[in-house]
PDB file of N, CA and C in Angstrom:
ATOM      1  N   MET A   1       8.694   3.983  -7.544  1.00  0.00           N
ATOM      2  CA  MET A   1       7.853   4.156  -8.707  1.00  0.00           C
ATOM      3  C   MET A   1       7.816   2.864  -9.528  1.00  0.00           C
ATOM      4  N   ILE A   2       8.976   2.275  -9.736  1.00  0.00           N
ATOM      5  CA  ILE A   2       9.038   1.038 -10.524  1.00  0.00           C
ATOM      6  C   ILE A   2       8.335  -0.097  -9.792  1.00  0.00           C
ATOM      7  N   GLY A   3       8.518  -0.161  -8.467  1.00  0.00           N
ATOM      8  CA  GLY A   3       7.867  -1.209  -7.680  1.00  0.00           C
ATOM      9  C   GLY A   3       6.359  -1.113  -7.739  1.00  0.00           C
ATOM     10  N   THR A   4       5.841   0.101  -7.701  1.00  0.00           N
ATOM     11  CA  THR A   4       4.391   0.287  -7.772  1.00  0.00           C
ATOM     12  C   THR A   4       3.848  -0.166  -9.114  1.00  0.00           C
ATOM     13  N   ILE A   5       4.505   0.227 -10.170  1.00  0.00           N
ATOM     14  CA  ILE A   5       4.050  -0.137 -11.520  1.00  0.00           C
ATOM     15  C   ILE A   5       4.098  -1.651 -11.718  1.00  0.00           C
ATOM     16  N   LEU A   6       5.183  -2.277 -11.317  1.00  0.00           N
ATOM     17  CA  LEU A   6       5.304  -3.720 -11.512  1.00  0.00           C
ATOM     18  C   LEU A   6       4.342  -4.491 -10.610  1.00  0.00           C
ATOM     19  N   ASN A   7       4.132  -4.012  -9.393  1.00  0.00           N
ATOM     20  CA  ASN A   7       3.153  -4.669  -8.520  1.00  0.00           C
ATOM     21  C   ASN A   7       1.743  -4.555  -9.082  1.00  0.00           C
ATOM     22  N   LEU A   8       1.421  -3.416  -9.657  1.00  0.00           N
ATOM     23  CA  LEU A   8       0.095  -3.259 -10.246  1.00  0.00           C
ATOM     24  C   LEU A   8      -0.076  -4.129 -11.486  1.00  0.00           C
ATOM     25  N   PHE A   9       0.989  -4.303 -12.269  1.00  0.00           N
ATOM     26  CA  PHE A   9       0.924  -5.221 -13.410  1.00  0.00           C
ATOM     27  C   PHE A   9       0.689  -6.655 -12.939  1.00  0.00           C
ATOM     28  N   SER A  10       1.420  -7.073 -11.916  1.00  0.00           N
ATOM     29  CA  SER A  10       1.239  -8.441 -11.436  1.00  0.00           C
ATOM     30  C   SER A  10      -0.128  -8.622 -10.791  1.00  0.00           C
ATOM     31  N   LEU A  11      -0.627  -7.607 -10.087  1.00  0.00           N
ATOM     32  CA  LEU A  11      -1.967  -7.689  -9.516  1.00  0.00           C
ATOM     33  C   LEU A  11      -3.007  -7.832 -10.619  1.00  0.00           C
ATOM     34  N   ASP A  12      -2.875  -7.043 -11.661  1.00  0.00           N
ATOM     35  CA  ASP A  12      -3.798  -7.133 -12.796  1.00  0.00           C
ATOM     36  C   ASP A  12      -3.730  -8.516 -13.448  1.00  0.00           C
ATOM     37  N   TYR A  13      -2.539  -9.036 -13.605  1.00  0.00           N
ATOM     38  CA  TYR A  13      -2.357 -10.349 -14.226  1.00  0.00           C
ATOM     39  C   TYR A  13      -3.027 -11.442 -13.401  1.00  0.00           C
ATOM     40  N   PHE A  14      -2.804 -11.430 -12.091  1.00  0.00           N
ATOM     41  CA  PHE A  14      -3.369 -12.481 -11.251  1.00  0.00           C
ATOM     42  C   PHE A  14      -4.884 -12.365 -11.114  1.00  0.00           C
ATOM     43  N   LEU A  15      -5.414 -11.151 -11.182  1.00  0.00           N
ATOM     44  CA  LEU A  15      -6.869 -11.004 -11.097  1.00  0.00           C
ATOM     45  C   LEU A  15      -7.574 -11.397 -12.387  1.00  0.00           C
ATOM     46  N   LYS A  16      -6.884 -11.288 -13.528  1.00  0.00           N
ATOM     47  CA  LYS A  16      -7.495 -11.640 -14.807  1.00  0.00           C
ATOM     48  C   LYS A  16      -7.409 -13.126 -15.133  1.00  0.00           C
ATOM     49  N   MET A  17      -6.673 -13.893 -14.355  1.00  0.00           N
ATOM     50  CA  MET A  17      -6.553 -15.321 -14.630  1.00  0.00           C
ATOM     51  C   MET A  17      -7.894 -16.002 -14.405  1.00  0.00           C
ATOM     52  N   SER A  18      -8.265 -16.850 -15.350  1.00  0.00           N
ATOM     53  CA  SER A  18      -9.560 -17.525 -15.235  1.00  0.00           C
ATOM     54  C   SER A  18      -9.503 -18.671 -14.226  1.00  0.00           C
ATOM     55  N   LYS A  19      -8.361 -19.287 -14.089  1.00  0.00           N
ATOM     56  CA  LYS A  19      -8.221 -20.393 -13.144  1.00  0.00           C
ATOM     57  C   LYS A  19      -7.841 -19.825 -11.771  1.00  0.00           C
ATOM     58  N   ARG A  20      -8.765 -19.882 -10.839  1.00  0.00           N
ATOM     59  CA  ARG A  20      -8.516 -19.361  -9.495  1.00  0.00           C
ATOM     60  C   ARG A  20      -8.058 -20.504  -8.592  1.00  0.00           C
ATOM     61  N   ASN A  21      -6.893 -20.351  -8.058  1.00  0.00           N
ATOM     62  CA  ASN A  21      -6.447 -21.276  -7.026  1.00  0.00           C
ATOM     63  C   ASN A  21      -5.819 -20.461  -5.902  1.00  0.00           C
ATOM     64  N   SER A  22      -5.467 -21.112  -4.842  1.00  0.00           N
ATOM     65  CA  SER A  22      -4.987 -20.399  -3.663  1.00  0.00           C
ATOM     66  C   SER A  22      -3.672 -19.671  -3.926  1.00  0.00           C
ATOM     67  N   GLN A  23      -2.863 -20.202  -4.802  1.00  0.00           N
ATOM     68  CA  GLN A  23      -1.585 -19.552  -5.111  1.00  0.00           C
ATOM     69  C   GLN A  23      -1.804 -18.226  -5.836  1.00  0.00           C
ATOM     70  N   ASN A  24      -2.728 -18.169  -6.771  1.00  0.00           N
ATOM     71  CA  ASN A  24      -3.009 -16.918  -7.484  1.00  0.00           C
ATOM     72  C   ASN A  24      -3.597 -15.873  -6.553  1.00  0.00           C
ATOM     73  N   ILE A  25      -4.484 -16.299  -5.681  1.00  0.00           N
ATOM     74  CA  ILE A  25      -5.080 -15.371  -4.729  1.00  0.00           C
ATOM     75  C   ILE A  25      -4.019 -14.843  -3.776  1.00  0.00           C
ATOM     76  N   TYR A  26      -3.161 -15.731  -3.295  1.00  0.00           N
ATOM     77  CA  TYR A  26      -2.083 -15.320  -2.388  1.00  0.00           C
ATOM     78  C   TYR A  26      -1.156 -14.306  -3.061  1.00  0.00           C
ATOM     79  N   LEU A  27      -0.778 -14.564  -4.288  1.00  0.00           N
ATOM     80  CA  LEU A  27       0.140 -13.656  -4.978  1.00  0.00           C
ATOM     81  C   LEU A  27      -0.513 -12.324  -5.310  1.00  0.00           C
ATOM     82  N   SER A  28      -1.808 -12.309  -5.594  1.00  0.00           N
ATOM     83  CA  SER A  28      -2.481 -11.039  -5.847  1.00  0.00           C
ATOM     84  C   SER A  28      -2.580 -10.217  -4.565  1.00  0.00           C
ATOM     85  N   VAL A  29      -2.893 -10.858  -3.449  1.00  0.00           N
ATOM     86  CA  VAL A  29      -2.944 -10.150  -2.168  1.00  0.00           C
ATOM     87  C   VAL A  29      -1.550  -9.670  -1.777  1.00  0.00           C
ATOM     88  N   LEU A  30      -0.542 -10.469  -2.053  1.00  0.00           N
ATOM     89  CA  LEU A  30       0.835 -10.080  -1.750  1.00  0.00           C
ATOM     90  C   LEU A  30       1.266  -8.858  -2.558  1.00  0.00           C
ATOM     91  N   SER A  31       0.915  -8.806  -3.831  1.00  0.00           N
ATOM     92  CA  SER A  31       1.288  -7.647  -4.642  1.00  0.00           C
ATOM     93  C   SER A  31       0.523  -6.400  -4.209  1.00  0.00           C
ATOM     94  N   LEU A  32      -0.735  -6.556  -3.808  1.00  0.00           N
ATOM     95  CA  LEU A  32      -1.508  -5.423  -3.317  1.00  0.00           C
ATOM     96  C   LEU A  32      -0.951  -4.904  -1.995  1.00  0.00           C
ATOM     97  N   SER A  33      -0.635  -5.800  -1.070  1.00  0.00           N
ATOM     98  CA  SER A  33      -0.090  -5.359   0.217  1.00  0.00           C
ATOM     99  C   SER A  33       1.312  -4.775   0.057  1.00  0.00           C
ATOM    100  N   ASP A  34       2.081  -5.268  -0.888  1.00  0.00           N
ATOM    101  CA  ASP A  34       3.402  -4.699  -1.141  1.00  0.00           C
ATOM    102  C   ASP A  34       3.293  -3.289  -1.705  1.00  0.00           C
ATOM    103  N   THR A  35       2.308  -3.052  -2.552  1.00  0.00           N
ATOM    104  CA  THR A  35       2.083  -1.707  -3.077  1.00  0.00           C
ATOM    105  C   THR A  35       1.684  -0.746  -1.963  1.00  0.00           C
ATOM    106  N   ILE A  36       0.791  -1.188  -1.081  1.00  0.00           N
ATOM    107  CA  ILE A  36       0.403  -0.352   0.053  1.00  0.00           C
ATOM    108  C   ILE A  36       1.601  -0.086   0.947  1.00  0.00           C
ATOM    109  N   ASP A  37       2.410  -1.105   1.184  1.00  0.00           N
ATOM    110  CA  ASP A  37       3.605  -0.956   2.008  1.00  0.00           C
ATOM    111  C   ASP A  37       4.585   0.044   1.408  1.00  0.00           C
ATOM    112  N   LEU A  38       4.771  -0.013   0.101  1.00  0.00           N
ATOM    113  CA  LEU A  38       5.666   0.944  -0.560  1.00  0.00           C
ATOM    114  C   LEU A  38       5.190   2.376  -0.350  1.00  0.00           C
ATOM    115  N   HIS A  39       3.893   2.582  -0.469  1.00  0.00           N
ATOM    116  CA  HIS A  39       3.370   3.939  -0.333  1.00  0.00           C
ATOM    117  C   HIS A  39       3.361   4.415   1.112  1.00  0.00           C
ATOM    118  N   MET A  40       3.124   3.515   2.039  1.00  0.00           N
ATOM    119  CA  MET A  40       3.102   3.910   3.448  1.00  0.00           C
ATOM    120  C   MET A  40       4.505   4.215   3.975  1.00  0.00           C
ATOM    121  N   ASN A  41       5.490   3.488   3.508  1.00  0.00           N
ATOM    122  CA  ASN A  41       6.835   3.638   4.053  1.00  0.00           C
ATOM    123  C   ASN A  41       7.768   4.491   3.210  1.00  0.00           C
ATOM    124  N   PHE A  42       7.377   4.837   2.005  1.00  0.00           N
ATOM    125  CA  PHE A  42       8.242   5.667   1.168  1.00  0.00           C
ATOM    126  C   PHE A  42       7.574   6.980   0.773  1.00  0.00           C
ATOM    127  N   THR A  43       6.364   6.888   0.239  1.00  0.00           N
ATOM    128  CA  THR A  43       5.700   8.088  -0.262  1.00  0.00           C
ATOM    129  C   THR A  43       5.198   8.972   0.868  1.00  0.00           C
ATOM    130  N   LEU A  44       4.612   8.367   1.882  1.00  0.00           N
ATOM    131  CA  LEU A  44       4.065   9.158   2.989  1.00  0.00           C
ATOM    132  C   LEU A  44       5.134   9.965   3.724  1.00  0.00           C
ATOM    133  N   PRO A  45       6.295   9.393   4.066  1.00  0.00           N
ATOM    134  CA  PRO A  45       7.335  10.236   4.685  1.00  0.00           C
ATOM    135  C   PRO A  45       7.837  11.357   3.775  1.00  0.00           C
ATOM    136  N   MET A  46       7.853  11.120   2.470  1.00  0.00           N
ATOM    137  CA  MET A  46       8.258  12.197   1.562  1.00  0.00           C
ATOM    138  C   MET A  46       7.225  13.316   1.563  1.00  0.00           C
ATOM    139  N   LEU A  47       5.942  12.969   1.601  1.00  0.00           N
ATOM    140  CA  LEU A  47       4.895  13.985   1.636  1.00  0.00           C
ATOM    141  C   LEU A  47       4.889  14.741   2.963  1.00  0.00           C
ATOM    142  N   ARG A  48       5.266  14.068   4.028  1.00  0.00           N
ATOM    143  CA  ARG A  48       5.251  14.719   5.341  1.00  0.00           C
ATOM    144  C   ARG A  48       6.383  15.719   5.511  1.00  0.00           C
ATOM    145  N   GLN A  49       7.305  15.791   4.578  1.00  0.00           N
ATOM    146  CA  GLN A  49       8.334  16.829   4.631  1.00  0.00           C
ATOM    147  C   GLN A  49       7.745  18.193   4.310  1.00  0.00           C
ATOM    148  N   SER A  50       6.584  18.203   3.653  1.00  0.00           N
ATOM    149  CA  SER A  50       5.869  19.442   3.401  1.00  0.00           C
ATOM    150  C   SER A  50       5.190  19.871   4.706  1.00  0.00           C
ATOM    151  N   THR A  51       5.387  21.113   5.107  1.00  0.00           N
ATOM    152  CA  THR A  51       4.847  21.605   6.373  1.00  0.00           C
ATOM    153  C   THR A  51       3.327  21.574   6.390  1.00  0.00           C
ATOM    154  N   THR A  52       2.698  21.937   5.299  1.00  0.00           N
ATOM    155  CA  THR A  52       1.242  21.959   5.240  1.00  0.00           C
ATOM    156  C   THR A  52       0.659  20.563   5.411  1.00  0.00           C
ATOM    157  N   PHE A  53       1.201  19.604   4.694  1.00  0.00           N
ATOM    158  CA  PHE A  53       0.711  18.229   4.792  1.00  0.00           C
ATOM    159  C   PHE A  53       0.996  17.643   6.167  1.00  0.00           C
ATOM    160  N   ASP A  54       2.164  17.943   6.711  1.00  0.00           N
ATOM    161  CA  ASP A  54       2.534  17.426   8.023  1.00  0.00           C
ATOM    162  C   ASP A  54       1.618  17.980   9.114  1.00  0.00           C
ATOM    163  N   ASN A  55       1.295  19.252   9.049  1.00  0.00           N
ATOM    164  CA  ASN A  55       0.380  19.833  10.034  1.00  0.00           C
ATOM    165  C   ASN A  55      -1.007  19.225   9.920  1.00  0.00           C
ATOM    166  N   TYR A  56      -1.475  19.004   8.698  1.00  0.00           N
ATOM    167  CA  TYR A  56      -2.774  18.367   8.495  1.00  0.00           C
ATOM    168  C   TYR A  56      -2.757  16.943   9.052  1.00  0.00           C
ATOM    169  N   PHE A  57      -1.674  16.242   8.827  1.00  0.00           N
ATOM    170  CA  PHE A  57      -1.539  14.861   9.296  1.00  0.00           C
ATOM    171  C   PHE A  57      -1.509  14.813  10.823  1.00  0.00           C
ATOM    172  N   ARG A  58      -0.792  15.728  11.446  1.00  0.00           N
ATOM    173  CA  ARG A  58      -0.695  15.745  12.913  1.00  0.00           C
ATOM    174  C   ARG A  58      -2.014  16.132  13.577  1.00  0.00           C
ATOM    175  N   ASN A  59      -2.823  16.954  12.943  1.00  0.00           N
ATOM    176  CA  ASN A  59      -4.083  17.410  13.527  1.00  0.00           C
ATOM    177  C   ASN A  59      -5.243  16.471  13.258  1.00  0.00           C
ATOM    178  N   SER A  60      -5.082  15.502  12.388  1.00  0.00           N
ATOM    179  CA  SER A  60      -6.152  14.569  12.062  1.00  0.00           C
ATOM    180  C   SER A  60      -5.883  13.227  12.753  1.00  0.00           C
ATOM    181  N   THR A  61      -6.609  12.963  13.821  1.00  0.00           N
ATOM    182  CA  THR A  61      -6.397  11.702  14.543  1.00  0.00           C
ATOM    183  C   THR A  61      -6.881  10.506  13.732  1.00  0.00           C
ATOM    184  N   ILE A  62      -7.934  10.699  12.937  1.00  0.00           N
ATOM    185  CA  ILE A  62      -8.446   9.593  12.118  1.00  0.00           C
ATOM    186  C   ILE A  62      -7.404   9.170  11.083  1.00  0.00           C
ATOM    187  N   LEU A  63      -6.787  10.138  10.427  1.00  0.00           N
ATOM    188  CA  LEU A  63      -5.758   9.838   9.430  1.00  0.00           C
ATOM    189  C   LEU A  63      -4.557   9.163  10.078  1.00  0.00           C
ATOM    190  N   CYS A  64      -4.187   9.621  11.242  1.00  0.00           N
ATOM    191  CA  CYS A  64      -3.055   9.030  11.956  1.00  0.00           C
ATOM    192  C   CYS A  64      -3.354   7.582  12.351  1.00  0.00           C
ATOM    193  N   HIS A  65      -4.547   7.327  12.884  1.00  0.00           N
ATOM    194  CA  HIS A  65      -4.917   5.963  13.269  1.00  0.00           C
ATOM    195  C   HIS A  65      -5.056   5.056  12.054  1.00  0.00           C
ATOM    196  N   LEU A  66      -5.633   5.565  10.982  1.00  0.00           N
ATOM    197  CA  LEU A  66      -5.789   4.770   9.764  1.00  0.00           C
ATOM    198  C   LEU A  66      -4.432   4.366   9.194  1.00  0.00           C
ATOM    199  N   THR A  67      -3.494   5.289   9.202  1.00  0.00           N
ATOM    200  CA  THR A  67      -2.149   4.986   8.720  1.00  0.00           C
ATOM    201  C   THR A  67      -1.492   3.921   9.584  1.00  0.00           C
ATOM    202  N   GLY A  68      -1.640   4.038  10.887  1.00  0.00           N
ATOM    203  CA  GLY A  68      -1.069   3.035  11.794  1.00  0.00           C
ATOM    204  C   GLY A  68      -1.639   1.656  11.572  1.00  0.00           C
ATOM    205  N   VAL A  69      -2.961   1.585  11.370  1.00  0.00           N
ATOM    206  CA  VAL A  69      -3.602   0.281  11.127  1.00  0.00           C
ATOM    207  C   VAL A  69      -3.135  -0.294   9.805  1.00  0.00           C
ATOM    208  N   LEU A  70      -3.055   0.521   8.753  1.00  0.00           N
ATOM    209  CA  LEU A  70      -2.613   0.013   7.452  1.00  0.00           C
ATOM    210  C   LEU A  70      -1.163  -0.457   7.490  1.00  0.00           C
ATOM    211  N   ILE A  71      -0.316   0.261   8.196  1.00  0.00           N
ATOM    212  CA  ILE A  71       1.086  -0.154   8.297  1.00  0.00           C
ATOM    213  C   ILE A  71       1.190  -1.483   9.017  1.00  0.00           C
ATOM    214  N   GLU A  72       0.470  -1.642  10.111  1.00  0.00           N
ATOM    215  CA  GLU A  72       0.505  -2.923  10.838  1.00  0.00           C
ATOM    216  C   GLU A  72      -0.116  -4.047  10.022  1.00  0.00           C
ATOM    217  N   PHE A  73      -1.143  -3.739   9.241  1.00  0.00           N
ATOM    218  CA  PHE A  73      -1.796  -4.768   8.425  1.00  0.00           C
ATOM    219  C   PHE A  73      -0.870  -5.305   7.347  1.00  0.00           C
ATOM    220  N   VAL A  74      -0.137  -4.433   6.668  1.00  0.00           N
ATOM    221  CA  VAL A  74       0.714  -4.915   5.574  1.00  0.00           C
ATOM    222  C   VAL A  74       1.988  -5.550   6.086  1.00  0.00           C
ATOM    223  N   TYR A  75       2.334  -5.362   7.356  1.00  0.00           N
ATOM    224  CA  TYR A  75       3.512  -6.031   7.906  1.00  0.00           C
ATOM    225  C   TYR A  75       3.235  -7.468   8.309  1.00  0.00           C
ATOM    226  N   LEU A  76       1.958  -7.830   8.433  1.00  0.00           N
ATOM    227  CA  LEU A  76       1.626  -9.200   8.842  1.00  0.00           C
ATOM    228  C   LEU A  76       1.904 -10.144   7.778  1.00  0.00           C
TER     229      LEU A  76
END
């Protein structure tokens, strides 16, 4: 929870900067991908402990593939 809030603050800060350089863009993308990573690796397994959500997740191939692509994307 704290990581998500702080990453969103830093993302907001870097996007509002008037001077755009490669370092600001890199850090904003890094904070966004870290937020996605936190949710994919922490929140999603907690939600899958619910039987209803887990059954929906297992029966939806699109959701399963999308999750796999997002996890691989944020690990790069």
